[in-house]
Amino acid sequence: MEMSKQMPVAYVDAFFDFYVNGSLDESAVRATVQDITGTPPRTFRQWAEAHASAFA
């Protein structure tokens, strides 16, 4: 069944724009990690590079 038959075309377009192009990112950046640990948060890339040997 076509999505556009179930919801407005604008929603369908936004859905695919998000999943295909990653155009919408409403992720809130919070200071929780730093508030709790006293250390600034790292990106996933930084974490992965620091732990790469665990996956070798």
PDB file of N, CA and C in Angstrom:
ATOM      1  N   MET A   1       0.840  -1.180   0.000  1.00  0.00           N
ATOM      2  CA  MET A   1       0.000   0.000   0.000  1.00  0.00           C
ATOM      3  C   MET A   1       0.888   1.247   0.000  1.00  0.00           C
ATOM      4  N   GLU A   2       0.521   2.185  -0.778  1.00  0.00           N
ATOM      5  CA  GLU A   2       1.278   3.424  -0.857  1.00  0.00           C
ATOM      6  C   GLU A   2       1.120   4.249   0.411  1.00  0.00           C
ATOM      7  N   MET A   3       2.253   4.778   0.880  1.00  0.00           N
ATOM      8  CA  MET A   3       2.213   5.622   2.079  1.00  0.00           C
ATOM      9  C   MET A   3       1.345   6.851   1.858  1.00  0.00           C
ATOM     10  N   SER A   4       1.377   7.386   0.633  1.00  0.00           N
ATOM     11  CA  SER A   4       0.637   8.622   0.367  1.00  0.00           C
ATOM     12  C   SER A   4      -0.875   8.431   0.441  1.00  0.00           C
ATOM     13  N   LYS A   5      -1.324   7.180   0.445  1.00  0.00           N
ATOM     14  CA  LYS A   5      -2.758   6.929   0.630  1.00  0.00           C
ATOM     15  C   LYS A   5      -3.129   6.916   2.108  1.00  0.00           C
ATOM     16  N   GLN A   6      -2.118   6.836   2.960  1.00  0.00           N
ATOM     17  CA  GLN A   6      -2.344   6.765   4.396  1.00  0.00           C
ATOM     18  C   GLN A   6      -2.039   8.069   5.121  1.00  0.00           C
ATOM     19  N   MET A   7      -1.236   8.927   4.500  1.00  0.00           N
ATOM     20  CA  MET A   7      -0.842  10.178   5.146  1.00  0.00           C
ATOM     21  C   MET A   7      -0.581  11.242   4.090  1.00  0.00           C
ATOM     22  N   PRO A   8      -0.537  12.499   4.492  1.00  0.00           N
ATOM     23  CA  PRO A   8      -0.306  13.582   3.519  1.00  0.00           C
ATOM     24  C   PRO A   8       1.028  13.417   2.791  1.00  0.00           C
ATOM     25  N   VAL A   9       1.034  13.797   1.538  1.00  0.00           N
ATOM     26  CA  VAL A   9       2.225  13.676   0.705  1.00  0.00           C
ATOM     27  C   VAL A   9       3.416  14.396   1.337  1.00  0.00           C
ATOM     28  N   ALA A  10       3.182  15.529   1.970  1.00  0.00           N
ATOM     29  CA  ALA A  10       4.282  16.272   2.603  1.00  0.00           C
ATOM     30  C   ALA A  10       4.967  15.428   3.678  1.00  0.00           C
ATOM     31  N   TYR A  11       4.200  14.633   4.412  1.00  0.00           N
ATOM     32  CA  TYR A  11       4.776  13.755   5.441  1.00  0.00           C
ATOM     33  C   TYR A  11       5.588  12.639   4.804  1.00  0.00           C
ATOM     34  N   VAL A  12       5.055  12.088   3.734  1.00  0.00           N
ATOM     35  CA  VAL A  12       5.769  11.024   3.019  1.00  0.00           C
ATOM     36  C   VAL A  12       7.093  11.571   2.488  1.00  0.00           C
ATOM     37  N   ASP A  13       7.053  12.744   1.864  1.00  0.00           N
ATOM     38  CA  ASP A  13       8.276  13.357   1.342  1.00  0.00           C
ATOM     39  C   ASP A  13       9.277  13.615   2.459  1.00  0.00           C
ATOM     40  N   ALA A  14       8.805  14.119   3.591  1.00  0.00           N
ATOM     41  CA  ALA A  14       9.696  14.396   4.724  1.00  0.00           C
ATOM     42  C   ALA A  14      10.299  13.098   5.262  1.00  0.00           C
ATOM     43  N   PHE A  15       9.497  12.046   5.335  1.00  0.00           N
ATOM     44  CA  PHE A  15       9.968  10.741   5.801  1.00  0.00           C
ATOM     45  C   PHE A  15      11.130  10.262   4.947  1.00  0.00           C
ATOM     46  N   PHE A  16      10.938  10.258   3.632  1.00  0.00           N
ATOM     47  CA  PHE A  16      11.998   9.768   2.752  1.00  0.00           C
ATOM     48  C   PHE A  16      13.186  10.718   2.704  1.00  0.00           C
ATOM     49  N   ASP A  17      12.934  12.012   2.809  1.00  0.00           N
ATOM     50  CA  ASP A  17      14.043  12.962   2.839  1.00  0.00           C
ATOM     51  C   ASP A  17      14.917  12.710   4.057  1.00  0.00           C
ATOM     52  N   PHE A  18      14.298  12.386   5.174  1.00  0.00           N
ATOM     53  CA  PHE A  18      15.047  12.079   6.392  1.00  0.00           C
ATOM     54  C   PHE A  18      15.831  10.785   6.242  1.00  0.00           C
ATOM     55  N   TYR A  19      15.177   9.712   5.837  1.00  0.00           N
ATOM     56  CA  TYR A  19      15.837   8.409   5.782  1.00  0.00           C
ATOM     57  C   TYR A  19      16.804   8.260   4.620  1.00  0.00           C
ATOM     58  N   VAL A  20      16.566   8.949   3.523  1.00  0.00           N
ATOM     59  CA  VAL A  20      17.456   8.843   2.373  1.00  0.00           C
ATOM     60  C   VAL A  20      18.589   9.866   2.469  1.00  0.00           C
ATOM     61  N   ASN A  21      18.240  11.101   2.819  1.00  0.00           N
ATOM     62  CA  ASN A  21      19.230  12.181   2.811  1.00  0.00           C
ATOM     63  C   ASN A  21      19.726  12.575   4.192  1.00  0.00           C
ATOM     64  N   GLY A  22      19.068  12.090   5.235  1.00  0.00           N
ATOM     65  CA  GLY A  22      19.459  12.474   6.588  1.00  0.00           C
ATOM     66  C   GLY A  22      19.262  13.955   6.844  1.00  0.00           C
ATOM     67  N   SER A  23      18.247  14.534   6.207  1.00  0.00           N
ATOM     68  CA  SER A  23      18.093  15.985   6.250  1.00  0.00           C
ATOM     69  C   SER A  23      17.559  16.528   7.570  1.00  0.00           C
ATOM     70  N   LEU A  24      16.975  15.680   8.385  1.00  0.00           N
ATOM     71  CA  LEU A  24      16.388  16.169   9.621  1.00  0.00           C
ATOM     72  C   LEU A  24      17.093  15.523  10.798  1.00  0.00           C
ATOM     73  N   ASP A  25      17.654  16.315  11.632  1.00  0.00           N
ATOM     74  CA  ASP A  25      18.290  15.784  12.829  1.00  0.00           C
ATOM     75  C   ASP A  25      17.876  16.656  13.996  1.00  0.00           C
ATOM     76  N   GLU A  26      16.913  16.182  14.752  1.00  0.00           N
ATOM     77  CA  GLU A  26      16.428  16.936  15.893  1.00  0.00           C
ATOM     78  C   GLU A  26      17.031  16.424  17.194  1.00  0.00           C
ATOM     79  N   SER A  27      18.149  15.740  17.083  1.00  0.00           N
ATOM     80  CA  SER A  27      18.803  15.217  18.279  1.00  0.00           C
ATOM     81  C   SER A  27      19.232  16.377  19.158  1.00  0.00           C
ATOM     82  N   ALA A  28      18.779  16.354  20.369  1.00  0.00           N
ATOM     83  CA  ALA A  28      19.165  17.408  21.307  1.00  0.00           C
ATOM     84  C   ALA A  28      20.522  17.079  21.905  1.00  0.00           C
ATOM     85  N   VAL A  29      21.398  18.036  21.885  1.00  0.00           N
ATOM     86  CA  VAL A  29      22.709  17.867  22.503  1.00  0.00           C
ATOM     87  C   VAL A  29      22.590  18.354  23.943  1.00  0.00           C
ATOM     88  N   ARG A  30      22.892  17.455  24.867  1.00  0.00           N
ATOM     89  CA  ARG A  30      22.771  17.780  26.282  1.00  0.00           C
ATOM     90  C   ARG A  30      24.130  17.656  26.962  1.00  0.00           C
ATOM     91  N   ALA A  31      24.273  18.307  28.069  1.00  0.00           N
ATOM     92  CA  ALA A  31      25.530  18.287  28.818  1.00  0.00           C
ATOM     93  C   ALA A  31      25.561  17.176  29.856  1.00  0.00           C
ATOM     94  N   THR A  32      24.681  16.202  29.757  1.00  0.00           N
ATOM     95  CA  THR A  32      24.544  15.169  30.781  1.00  0.00           C
ATOM     96  C   THR A  32      25.832  14.402  31.029  1.00  0.00           C
ATOM     97  N   VAL A  33      26.505  13.975  29.963  1.00  0.00           N
ATOM     98  CA  VAL A  33      27.748  13.205  30.134  1.00  0.00           C
ATOM     99  C   VAL A  33      28.762  14.006  30.928  1.00  0.00           C
ATOM    100  N   GLN A  34      28.954  15.235  30.535  1.00  0.00           N
ATOM    101  CA  GLN A  34      29.925  16.065  31.240  1.00  0.00           C
ATOM    102  C   GLN A  34      29.459  16.377  32.664  1.00  0.00           C
ATOM    103  N   ASP A  35      28.176  16.587  32.847  1.00  0.00           N
ATOM    104  CA  ASP A  35      27.662  16.856  34.189  1.00  0.00           C
ATOM    105  C   ASP A  35      27.915  15.681  35.127  1.00  0.00           C
ATOM    106  N   ILE A  36      27.762  14.463  34.626  1.00  0.00           N
ATOM    107  CA  ILE A  36      27.913  13.274  35.463  1.00  0.00           C
ATOM    108  C   ILE A  36      29.364  12.844  35.616  1.00  0.00           C
ATOM    109  N   THR A  37      30.110  12.836  34.494  1.00  0.00           N
ATOM    110  CA  THR A  37      31.481  12.306  34.530  1.00  0.00           C
ATOM    111  C   THR A  37      32.555  13.367  34.709  1.00  0.00           C
ATOM    112  N   GLY A  38      32.200  14.618  34.428  1.00  0.00           N
ATOM    113  CA  GLY A  38      33.203  15.682  34.481  1.00  0.00           C
ATOM    114  C   GLY A  38      34.089  15.703  33.244  1.00  0.00           C
ATOM    115  N   THR A  39      33.776  14.859  32.272  1.00  0.00           N
ATOM    116  CA  THR A  39      34.552  14.755  31.036  1.00  0.00           C
ATOM    117  C   THR A  39      33.647  15.079  29.854  1.00  0.00           C
ATOM    118  N   PRO A  40      34.134  15.852  28.897  1.00  0.00           N
ATOM    119  CA  PRO A  40      33.295  16.170  27.737  1.00  0.00           C
ATOM    120  C   PRO A  40      32.917  14.895  26.972  1.00  0.00           C
ATOM    121  N   PRO A  41      31.750  14.854  26.379  1.00  0.00           N
ATOM    122  CA  PRO A  41      31.360  13.691  25.599  1.00  0.00           C
ATOM    123  C   PRO A  41      32.202  13.563  24.338  1.00  0.00           C
ATOM    124  N   ARG A  42      32.286  12.335  23.834  1.00  0.00           N
ATOM    125  CA  ARG A  42      33.015  12.071  22.591  1.00  0.00           C
ATOM    126  C   ARG A  42      32.023  11.738  21.495  1.00  0.00           C
ATOM    127  N   THR A  43      32.468  11.896  20.276  1.00  0.00           N
ATOM    128  CA  THR A  43      31.660  11.456  19.144  1.00  0.00           C
ATOM    129  C   THR A  43      31.770   9.941  19.053  1.00  0.00           C
ATOM    130  N   PHE A  44      30.865   9.347  18.286  1.00  0.00           N
ATOM    131  CA  PHE A  44      30.947   7.905  18.079  1.00  0.00           C
ATOM    132  C   PHE A  44      32.270   7.546  17.430  1.00  0.00           C
ATOM    133  N   ARG A  45      32.724   8.349  16.483  1.00  0.00           N
ATOM    134  CA  ARG A  45      34.010   8.086  15.814  1.00  0.00           C
ATOM    135  C   ARG A  45      35.145   8.070  16.839  1.00  0.00           C
ATOM    136  N   GLN A  46      35.165   9.035  17.745  1.00  0.00           N
ATOM    137  CA  GLN A  46      36.217   9.077  18.768  1.00  0.00           C
ATOM    138  C   GLN A  46      36.161   7.833  19.652  1.00  0.00           C
ATOM    139  N   TRP A  47      34.960   7.431  20.043  1.00  0.00           N
ATOM    140  CA  TRP A  47      34.808   6.242  20.870  1.00  0.00           C
ATOM    141  C   TRP A  47      35.287   5.005  20.113  1.00  0.00           C
ATOM    142  N   ALA A  48      34.862   4.874  18.853  1.00  0.00           N
ATOM    143  CA  ALA A  48      35.230   3.703  18.051  1.00  0.00           C
ATOM    144  C   ALA A  48      36.734   3.624  17.854  1.00  0.00           C
ATOM    145  N   GLU A  49      37.367   4.748  17.581  1.00  0.00           N
ATOM    146  CA  GLU A  49      38.824   4.738  17.394  1.00  0.00           C
ATOM    147  C   GLU A  49      39.530   4.357  18.702  1.00  0.00           C
ATOM    148  N   ALA A  50      39.033   4.825  19.825  1.00  0.00           N
ATOM    149  CA  ALA A  50      39.645   4.503  21.119  1.00  0.00           C
ATOM    150  C   ALA A  50      39.470   3.036  21.480  1.00  0.00           C
ATOM    151  N   HIS A  51      38.423   2.371  20.955  1.00  0.00           N
ATOM    152  CA  HIS A  51      38.125   0.991  21.311  1.00  0.00           C
ATOM    153  C   HIS A  51      38.303   0.013  20.155  1.00  0.00           C
ATOM    154  N   ALA A  52      38.925   0.445  19.081  1.00  0.00           N
ATOM    155  CA  ALA A  52      39.071  -0.395  17.883  1.00  0.00           C
ATOM    156  C   ALA A  52      39.739  -1.723  18.182  1.00  0.00           C
ATOM    157  N   SER A  53      40.693  -1.745  19.071  1.00  0.00           N
ATOM    158  CA  SER A  53      41.404  -3.005  19.365  1.00  0.00           C
ATOM    159  C   SER A  53      40.475  -4.059  19.971  1.00  0.00           C
ATOM    160  N   ALA A  54      39.426  -3.651  20.623  1.00  0.00           N
ATOM    161  CA  ALA A  54      38.483  -4.606  21.213  1.00  0.00           C
ATOM    162  C   ALA A  54      37.691  -5.343  20.160  1.00  0.00           C
ATOM    163  N   PHE A  55      37.663  -4.807  18.936  1.00  0.00           N
ATOM    164  CA  PHE A  55      36.884  -5.419  17.862  1.00  0.00           C
ATOM    165  C   PHE A  55      37.762  -6.070  16.801  1.00  0.00           C
ATOM    166  N   ALA A  56      39.067  -6.085  17.038  1.00  0.00           N
ATOM    167  CA  ALA A  56      39.996  -6.676  16.048  1.00  0.00           C
ATOM    168  C   ALA A  56      40.025  -8.183  16.152  1.00  0.00           C
TER     169      ALA A  56
END
